[in-house]
């Protein structure tokens, strides 16, 4: 099986696959961290969305 060549962006630079992009990596890290916090939020009757608002207002 042959590998597909990377797409090229402006200036001829290779674009990395989305799975390895910064936004996807940040999403994975956030999800990994939230796995530890979800039980605590649920114990206090808070949703993730409510937690985001409280965190933003603090």
PDB file of N, CA and C in Angstrom:
ATOM      1  N   UNK A   1       0.843  -1.178   0.000  1.00  0.00           N
ATOM      2  CA  UNK A   1       0.000   0.000   0.000  1.00  0.00           C
ATOM      3  C   UNK A   1       0.884   1.236   0.000  1.00  0.00           C
ATOM      4  N   UNK A   2       0.578   2.178  -0.838  1.00  0.00           N
ATOM      5  CA  UNK A   2       1.392   3.388  -0.918  1.00  0.00           C
ATOM      6  C   UNK A   2       0.780   4.471  -0.053  1.00  0.00           C
ATOM      7  N   UNK A   3       1.612   5.303   0.526  1.00  0.00           N
ATOM      8  CA  UNK A   3       1.101   6.403   1.335  1.00  0.00           C
ATOM      9  C   UNK A   3       0.786   7.588   0.436  1.00  0.00           C
ATOM     10  N   UNK A   4      -0.239   8.325   0.838  1.00  0.00           N
ATOM     11  CA  UNK A   4      -0.638   9.488   0.068  1.00  0.00           C
ATOM     12  C   UNK A   4       0.319  10.638   0.366  1.00  0.00           C
ATOM     13  N   UNK A   5       0.674  11.405  -0.631  1.00  0.00           N
ATOM     14  CA  UNK A   5       1.533  12.561  -0.368  1.00  0.00           C
ATOM     15  C   UNK A   5       0.757  13.618   0.418  1.00  0.00           C
ATOM     16  N   UNK A   6       1.465  14.354   1.241  1.00  0.00           N
ATOM     17  CA  UNK A   6       0.828  15.416   2.015  1.00  0.00           C
ATOM     18  C   UNK A   6       0.384  16.534   1.084  1.00  0.00           C
ATOM     19  N   UNK A   7      -0.766  17.123   1.398  1.00  0.00           N
ATOM     20  CA  UNK A   7      -1.238  18.264   0.616  1.00  0.00           C
ATOM     21  C   UNK A   7      -0.291  19.431   0.845  1.00  0.00           C
ATOM     22  N   UNK A   8      -0.236  20.299  -0.134  1.00  0.00           N
ATOM     23  CA  UNK A   8       0.653  21.451   0.004  1.00  0.00           C
ATOM     24  C   UNK A   8      -0.162  22.715   0.210  1.00  0.00           C
ATOM     25  N   UNK A   9       0.312  23.545   1.121  1.00  0.00           N
ATOM     26  CA  UNK A   9      -0.333  24.816   1.391  1.00  0.00           C
ATOM     27  C   UNK A   9       0.366  25.924   0.630  1.00  0.00           C
ATOM     28  N   UNK A  10       0.065  27.137   1.013  1.00  0.00           N
ATOM     29  CA  UNK A  10       0.687  28.294   0.379  1.00  0.00           C
ATOM     30  C   UNK A  10       2.196  28.241   0.574  1.00  0.00           C
ATOM     31  N   UNK A  11       2.916  28.539  -0.459  1.00  0.00           N
ATOM     32  CA  UNK A  11       4.374  28.539  -0.373  1.00  0.00           C
ATOM     33  C   UNK A  11       4.978  27.155  -0.516  1.00  0.00           C
ATOM     34  N   UNK A  12       4.163  26.153  -0.858  1.00  0.00           N
ATOM     35  CA  UNK A  12       4.684  24.818  -1.079  1.00  0.00           C
ATOM     36  C   UNK A  12       5.003  24.036   0.178  1.00  0.00           C
ATOM     37  N   UNK A  13       4.524  24.477   1.344  1.00  0.00           N
ATOM     38  CA  UNK A  13       4.781  23.738   2.573  1.00  0.00           C
ATOM     39  C   UNK A  13       3.751  22.636   2.734  1.00  0.00           C
ATOM     40  N   UNK A  14       4.153  21.513   3.294  1.00  0.00           N
ATOM     41  CA  UNK A  14       3.255  20.381   3.498  1.00  0.00           C
ATOM     42  C   UNK A  14       2.292  20.674   4.643  1.00  0.00           C
ATOM     43  N   UNK A  15       1.045  20.268   4.447  1.00  0.00           N
ATOM     44  CA  UNK A  15       0.034  20.423   5.484  1.00  0.00           C
ATOM     45  C   UNK A  15      -0.105  19.081   6.185  1.00  0.00           C
ATOM     46  N   UNK A  16       0.017  19.083   7.498  1.00  0.00           N
ATOM     47  CA  UNK A  16      -0.092  17.827   8.244  1.00  0.00           C
ATOM     48  C   UNK A  16      -1.546  17.366   8.271  1.00  0.00           C
ATOM     49  N   UNK A  17      -1.763  16.073   8.426  1.00  0.00           N
ATOM     50  CA  UNK A  17      -3.129  15.550   8.508  1.00  0.00           C
ATOM     51  C   UNK A  17      -3.862  16.164   9.700  1.00  0.00           C
ATOM     52  N   UNK A  18      -5.172  16.303   9.576  1.00  0.00           N
ATOM     53  CA  UNK A  18      -5.951  16.937  10.647  1.00  0.00           C
ATOM     54  C   UNK A  18      -5.796  16.205  11.970  1.00  0.00           C
ATOM     55  N   UNK A  19      -5.662  14.904  11.937  1.00  0.00           N
ATOM     56  CA  UNK A  19      -5.520  14.126  13.178  1.00  0.00           C
ATOM     57  C   UNK A  19      -4.284  14.543  13.973  1.00  0.00           C
ATOM     58  N   UNK A  20      -3.302  15.154  13.299  1.00  0.00           N
ATOM     59  CA  UNK A  20      -2.074  15.587  13.971  1.00  0.00           C
ATOM     60  C   UNK A  20      -1.998  17.104  14.113  1.00  0.00           C
ATOM     61  N   UNK A  21      -3.087  17.790  13.823  1.00  0.00           N
ATOM     62  CA  UNK A  21      -3.081  19.253  13.882  1.00  0.00           C
ATOM     63  C   UNK A  21      -3.234  19.730  15.327  1.00  0.00           C
ATOM     64  N   UNK A  22      -2.861  20.962  15.572  1.00  0.00           N
ATOM     65  CA  UNK A  22      -2.957  21.537  16.915  1.00  0.00           C
ATOM     66  C   UNK A  22      -4.392  21.540  17.440  1.00  0.00           C
ATOM     67  N   UNK A  23      -5.407  21.950  16.660  1.00  0.00           N
ATOM     68  CA  UNK A  23      -6.772  21.920  17.198  1.00  0.00           C
ATOM     69  C   UNK A  23      -7.212  20.525  17.643  1.00  0.00           C
ATOM     70  N   UNK A  24      -6.866  19.508  16.883  1.00  0.00           N
ATOM     71  CA  UNK A  24      -7.259  18.151  17.251  1.00  0.00           C
ATOM     72  C   UNK A  24      -6.514  17.685  18.490  1.00  0.00           C
ATOM     73  N   UNK A  25      -5.245  18.022  18.593  1.00  0.00           N
ATOM     74  CA  UNK A  25      -4.474  17.639  19.786  1.00  0.00           C
ATOM     75  C   UNK A  25      -5.029  18.333  21.034  1.00  0.00           C
ATOM     76  N   UNK A  26      -5.395  19.610  20.911  1.00  0.00           N
ATOM     77  CA  UNK A  26      -5.977  20.331  22.053  1.00  0.00           C
ATOM     78  C   UNK A  26      -7.309  19.713  22.459  1.00  0.00           C
ATOM     79  N   UNK A  27      -8.113  19.315  21.482  1.00  0.00           N
ATOM     80  CA  UNK A  27      -9.385  18.669  21.781  1.00  0.00           C
ATOM     81  C   UNK A  27      -9.175  17.363  22.535  1.00  0.00           C
ATOM     82  N   UNK A  28      -8.191  16.588  22.117  1.00  0.00           N
ATOM     83  CA  UNK A  28      -7.904  15.325  22.809  1.00  0.00           C
ATOM     84  C   UNK A  28      -7.424  15.557  24.238  1.00  0.00           C
ATOM     85  N   UNK A  29      -6.592  16.571  24.438  1.00  0.00           N
ATOM     86  CA  UNK A  29      -6.090  16.874  25.788  1.00  0.00           C
ATOM     87  C   UNK A  29      -7.242  17.327  26.679  1.00  0.00           C
ATOM     88  N   UNK A  30      -8.104  18.202  26.147  1.00  0.00           N
ATOM     89  CA  UNK A  30      -9.259  18.666  26.939  1.00  0.00           C
ATOM     90  C   UNK A  30     -10.138  17.489  27.339  1.00  0.00           C
ATOM     91  N   UNK A  31     -10.378  16.580  26.406  1.00  0.00           N
ATOM     92  CA  UNK A  31     -11.214  15.419  26.693  1.00  0.00           C
ATOM     93  C   UNK A  31     -10.571  14.533  27.756  1.00  0.00           C
ATOM     94  N   UNK A  32      -9.266  14.349  27.676  1.00  0.00           N
ATOM     95  CA  UNK A  32      -8.563  13.535  28.676  1.00  0.00           C
ATOM     96  C   UNK A  32      -8.656  14.168  30.062  1.00  0.00           C
ATOM     97  N   UNK A  33      -8.522  15.484  30.136  1.00  0.00           N
ATOM     98  CA  UNK A  33      -8.612  16.168  31.430  1.00  0.00           C
ATOM     99  C   UNK A  33     -10.024  16.144  31.985  1.00  0.00           C
ATOM    100  N   UNK A  34     -11.012  16.323  31.114  1.00  0.00           N
ATOM    101  CA  UNK A  34     -12.398  16.355  31.572  1.00  0.00           C
ATOM    102  C   UNK A  34     -12.858  15.006  32.115  1.00  0.00           C
ATOM    103  N   UNK A  35     -12.236  13.919  31.673  1.00  0.00           N
ATOM    104  CA  UNK A  35     -12.602  12.613  32.222  1.00  0.00           C
ATOM    105  C   UNK A  35     -12.386  12.577  33.731  1.00  0.00           C
ATOM    106  N   UNK A  36     -11.373  13.292  34.219  1.00  0.00           N
ATOM    107  CA  UNK A  36     -11.108  13.344  35.662  1.00  0.00           C
ATOM    108  C   UNK A  36     -12.069  14.276  36.386  1.00  0.00           C
ATOM    109  N   UNK A  37     -12.547  15.322  35.721  1.00  0.00           N
ATOM    110  CA  UNK A  37     -13.378  16.323  36.375  1.00  0.00           C
ATOM    111  C   UNK A  37     -14.877  16.034  36.291  1.00  0.00           C
ATOM    112  N   UNK A  38     -15.308  15.261  35.311  1.00  0.00           N
ATOM    113  CA  UNK A  38     -16.746  15.002  35.140  1.00  0.00           C
ATOM    114  C   UNK A  38     -17.416  14.443  36.396  1.00  0.00           C
ATOM    115  N   UNK A  39     -16.824  13.465  37.071  1.00  0.00           N
ATOM    116  CA  UNK A  39     -17.487  12.956  38.289  1.00  0.00           C
ATOM    117  C   UNK A  39     -17.671  14.039  39.353  1.00  0.00           C
ATOM    118  N   UNK A  40     -16.705  14.941  39.479  1.00  0.00           N
ATOM    119  CA  UNK A  40     -16.803  16.022  40.466  1.00  0.00           C
ATOM    120  C   UNK A  40     -17.898  17.012  40.078  1.00  0.00           C
ATOM    121  N   UNK A  41     -17.972  17.321  38.796  1.00  0.00           N
ATOM    122  CA  UNK A  41     -19.017  18.227  38.338  1.00  0.00           C
ATOM    123  C   UNK A  41     -20.394  17.624  38.567  1.00  0.00           C
ATOM    124  N   UNK A  42     -20.545  16.356  38.223  1.00  0.00           N
ATOM    125  CA  UNK A  42     -21.835  15.694  38.415  1.00  0.00           C
ATOM    126  C   UNK A  42     -22.211  15.609  39.889  1.00  0.00           C
ATOM    127  N   UNK A  43     -21.218  15.420  40.759  1.00  0.00           N
ATOM    128  CA  UNK A  43     -21.486  15.347  42.201  1.00  0.00           C
ATOM    129  C   UNK A  43     -22.041  16.668  42.724  1.00  0.00           C
ATOM    130  N   UNK A  44     -21.704  17.765  42.056  1.00  0.00           N
ATOM    131  CA  UNK A  44     -22.192  19.086  42.462  1.00  0.00           C
ATOM    132  C   UNK A  44     -23.342  19.570  41.589  1.00  0.00           C
ATOM    133  N   UNK A  45     -23.845  18.689  40.735  1.00  0.00           N
ATOM    134  CA  UNK A  45     -24.990  19.033  39.908  1.00  0.00           C
ATOM    135  C   UNK A  45     -24.693  20.049  38.819  1.00  0.00           C
ATOM    136  N   UNK A  46     -23.475  20.063  38.335  1.00  0.00           N
ATOM    137  CA  UNK A  46     -23.089  21.019  37.296  1.00  0.00           C
ATOM    138  C   UNK A  46     -22.817  20.300  35.985  1.00  0.00           C
ATOM    139  N   UNK A  47     -23.214  20.935  34.890  1.00  0.00           N
ATOM    140  CA  UNK A  47     -22.866  20.412  33.577  1.00  0.00           C
ATOM    141  C   UNK A  47     -21.526  21.022  33.150  1.00  0.00           C
ATOM    142  N   UNK A  48     -20.956  20.469  32.107  1.00  0.00           N
ATOM    143  CA  UNK A  48     -19.701  21.029  31.597  1.00  0.00           C
ATOM    144  C   UNK A  48     -19.905  22.459  31.108  1.00  0.00           C
ATOM    145  N   UNK A  49     -21.045  22.715  30.490  1.00  0.00           N
ATOM    146  CA  UNK A  49     -21.327  24.059  30.001  1.00  0.00           C
ATOM    147  C   UNK A  49     -21.434  25.051  31.159  1.00  0.00           C
ATOM    148  N   UNK A  50     -22.084  24.641  32.252  1.00  0.00           N
ATOM    149  CA  UNK A  50     -22.174  25.517  33.426  1.00  0.00           C
ATOM    150  C   UNK A  50     -20.783  25.774  34.003  1.00  0.00           C
ATOM    151  N   UNK A  51     -19.946  24.760  34.034  1.00  0.00           N
ATOM    152  CA  UNK A  51     -18.588  24.912  34.551  1.00  0.00           C
ATOM    153  C   UNK A  51     -17.803  25.914  33.710  1.00  0.00           C
ATOM    154  N   UNK A  52     -17.980  25.855  32.389  1.00  0.00           N
ATOM    155  CA  UNK A  52     -17.263  26.792  31.512  1.00  0.00           C
ATOM    156  C   UNK A  52     -17.670  28.230  31.817  1.00  0.00           C
ATOM    157  N   UNK A  53     -18.961  28.448  32.077  1.00  0.00           N
ATOM    158  CA  UNK A  53     -19.429  29.806  32.391  1.00  0.00           C
ATOM    159  C   UNK A  53     -18.855  30.268  33.726  1.00  0.00           C
ATOM    160  N   UNK A  54     -18.921  29.419  34.736  1.00  0.00           N
ATOM    161  CA  UNK A  54     -18.382  29.767  36.058  1.00  0.00           C
ATOM    162  C   UNK A  54     -16.900  30.076  35.954  1.00  0.00           C
ATOM    163  N   UNK A  55     -16.180  29.250  35.213  1.00  0.00           N
ATOM    164  CA  UNK A  55     -14.731  29.455  35.034  1.00  0.00           C
ATOM    165  C   UNK A  55     -14.446  30.763  34.318  1.00  0.00           C
ATOM    166  N   UNK A  56     -15.267  31.107  33.328  1.00  0.00           N
ATOM    167  CA  UNK A  56     -15.062  32.351  32.580  1.00  0.00           C
ATOM    168  C   UNK A  56     -15.355  33.575  33.434  1.00  0.00           C
ATOM    169  N   UNK A  57     -16.322  33.463  34.334  1.00  0.00           N
ATOM    170  CA  UNK A  57     -16.696  34.602  35.170  1.00  0.00           C
ATOM    171  C   UNK A  57     -15.750  34.794  36.353  1.00  0.00           C
ATOM    172  N   UNK A  58     -15.035  33.764  36.736  1.00  0.00           N
ATOM    173  CA  UNK A  58     -14.136  33.858  37.893  1.00  0.00           C
ATOM    174  C   UNK A  58     -12.900  34.658  37.592  1.00  0.00           C
TER     175      UNK A  58
END
